Amino acid sequence: PKAAGASSLVQTQRWLRRYGLMRDDRSLIVVGKSAAKRSVIEALDIRFSLDDLPSTVSACNEIPNHRAFLMDATWNRPDSKQAYRARPEGALPQTELPRVYSVAEFLKIVIDST
């Protein structure tokens, strides 16, 4: 998918490199649609995930033995104009989603939980 010029894959790779997270010993799984993430997480028994889309985080938190976190961004905060878009039936309000403010905070949660 395209987003802000470059593809989602290219943007994700750039972001991971910028923060030192894209290395040879890491894997990146690119999923075309947010809805497909659930099946990938279940198939690979992934215990944690980080996303910036509230509806994806909400859906992924319905997966048994999985904890999804919302990466804070100005556009996904409850007081942003975009936050007032209709959310999927049964999705948690953004104020109730587990939100982190950095990758370091997310990784600390993952490490402390293992």
Protein backbone atom coordinates (compact mmCIF):
# COMPACT_ATOMS: atom_id res chain seq x y z
CA PRO A 1 0.00 0.00 0.00
CA LYS A 2 1.04 3.58 -0.64
CA ALA A 3 1.31 6.16 2.12
CA ALA A 4 2.78 9.67 1.98
CA GLY A 5 4.77 9.02 -1.20
CA ALA A 6 6.73 5.85 -0.45
CA SER A 7 5.18 2.42 0.06
CA SER A 8 4.33 1.27 3.58
CA LEU A 9 7.18 -1.23 3.38
CA VAL A 10 9.76 1.43 2.46
CA GLN A 11 8.49 3.82 5.14
CA THR A 12 8.59 1.07 7.77
CA GLN A 13 12.12 0.04 6.78
CA ARG A 14 13.30 3.68 6.98
CA TRP A 15 11.69 4.12 10.40
CA LEU A 16 13.21 0.89 11.73
CA ARG A 17 16.67 1.85 10.42
CA ARG A 18 16.42 5.35 11.92
CA TYR A 19 15.83 3.83 15.36
CA GLY A 20 18.35 1.01 14.95
CA LEU A 21 15.70 -1.69 14.82
CA MET A 22 16.24 -2.94 11.24
CA ARG A 23 19.09 -5.41 11.45
CA ASP A 24 20.05 -8.75 9.94
CA ASP A 25 18.84 -10.61 13.05
CA ARG A 26 15.31 -9.14 12.82
CA SER A 27 12.33 -10.03 10.69
CA LEU A 28 9.78 -7.70 9.20
CA ILE A 29 6.42 -9.10 8.21
CA VAL A 30 4.48 -6.80 5.91
CA VAL A 31 0.75 -7.35 5.75
CA GLY A 32 -1.26 -5.69 2.98
CA LYS A 33 -4.40 -4.96 4.99
CA SER A 34 -4.77 -4.41 8.72
CA ALA A 35 -7.40 -7.14 8.90
CA ALA A 36 -4.83 -9.71 7.76
CA LYS A 37 -2.61 -9.03 10.79
CA ARG A 38 -4.84 -11.13 13.02
CA SER A 39 -4.30 -14.31 11.00
CA VAL A 40 -0.52 -13.71 10.84
CA ILE A 41 -0.32 -13.12 14.60
CA GLU A 42 -2.35 -16.26 15.30
CA ALA A 43 -0.43 -18.43 12.81
CA LEU A 44 2.98 -17.38 14.15
CA ASP A 45 1.87 -17.24 17.81
CA ILE A 46 3.15 -13.67 18.17
CA ARG A 47 2.70 -12.48 21.76
CA PHE A 48 3.18 -8.72 21.31
CA SER A 49 2.61 -6.17 18.59
CA LEU A 50 2.93 -2.43 18.10
CA ASP A 51 0.77 -0.45 15.69
CA ASP A 52 -0.29 3.15 15.14
CA LEU A 53 -3.82 2.36 13.98
CA PRO A 54 -6.30 2.18 16.89
CA SER A 55 -8.72 -0.20 15.13
CA THR A 56 -5.86 -2.66 14.47
CA VAL A 57 -4.72 -2.54 18.09
CA SER A 58 -8.26 -3.09 19.29
CA ALA A 59 -8.78 -6.07 16.95
CA CYS A 60 -5.42 -7.62 17.83
CA ASN A 61 -6.16 -7.38 21.55
CA GLU A 62 -9.02 -9.83 21.00
CA ILE A 63 -6.47 -12.54 20.11
CA PRO A 64 -5.85 -14.93 23.03
CA ASN A 65 -2.36 -14.68 24.57
CA HIS A 66 -1.55 -11.53 22.57
CA ARG A 67 -1.02 -7.95 23.73
CA ALA A 68 -1.17 -5.16 21.16
CA PHE A 69 -0.06 -1.62 21.93
CA LEU A 70 -0.87 1.67 20.25
CA MET A 71 2.19 3.73 19.30
CA ASP A 72 1.34 7.29 20.20
CA ALA A 73 1.07 9.73 17.30
CA THR A 74 -0.50 13.17 17.09
CA TRP A 75 -3.14 11.89 14.68
CA ASN A 76 -4.24 8.90 16.82
CA ARG A 77 -4.78 10.72 20.09
CA PRO A 78 -8.36 10.81 21.39
CA ASP A 79 -8.52 14.61 21.01
CA SER A 80 -7.43 14.63 17.35
CA LYS A 81 -9.97 15.26 14.59
CA GLN A 82 -9.21 11.88 13.06
CA ALA A 83 -10.10 10.15 16.33
CA TYR A 84 -13.75 10.91 15.73
CA ARG A 85 -14.01 8.61 12.74
CA ALA A 86 -16.44 5.76 13.31
CA ARG A 87 -14.73 2.85 15.00
CA PRO A 88 -15.57 -0.75 14.17
CA GLU A 89 -18.35 -2.42 16.16
CA GLY A 90 -16.98 -3.74 19.44
CA ALA A 91 -13.67 -1.85 19.17
CA LEU A 92 -12.37 -0.26 22.34
CA PRO A 93 -12.40 3.53 22.55
CA GLN A 94 -8.90 4.94 21.98
CA THR A 95 -8.71 6.09 25.59
CA GLU A 96 -8.88 2.43 26.70
CA LEU A 97 -6.21 1.09 24.35
CA PRO A 98 -2.77 0.34 25.81
CA ARG A 99 -0.69 3.27 24.50
CA VAL A 100 3.10 3.60 24.50
CA TYR A 101 5.10 6.71 23.71
CA SER A 102 8.28 5.12 22.37
CA VAL A 103 9.60 1.88 20.97
CA ALA A 104 11.86 1.67 24.03
CA GLU A 105 8.79 1.72 26.30
CA PHE A 106 7.18 -1.06 24.22
CA LEU A 107 10.36 -3.19 24.26
CA LYS A 108 10.68 -2.80 28.03
CA ILE A 109 7.14 -4.15 28.43
CA VAL A 110 7.99 -7.10 26.16
CA ILE A 111 11.25 -7.86 27.96
CA ASP A 112 9.73 -7.51 31.43
CA SER A 113 6.92 -9.88 30.42
CA THR A 114 9.18 -12.71 29.28
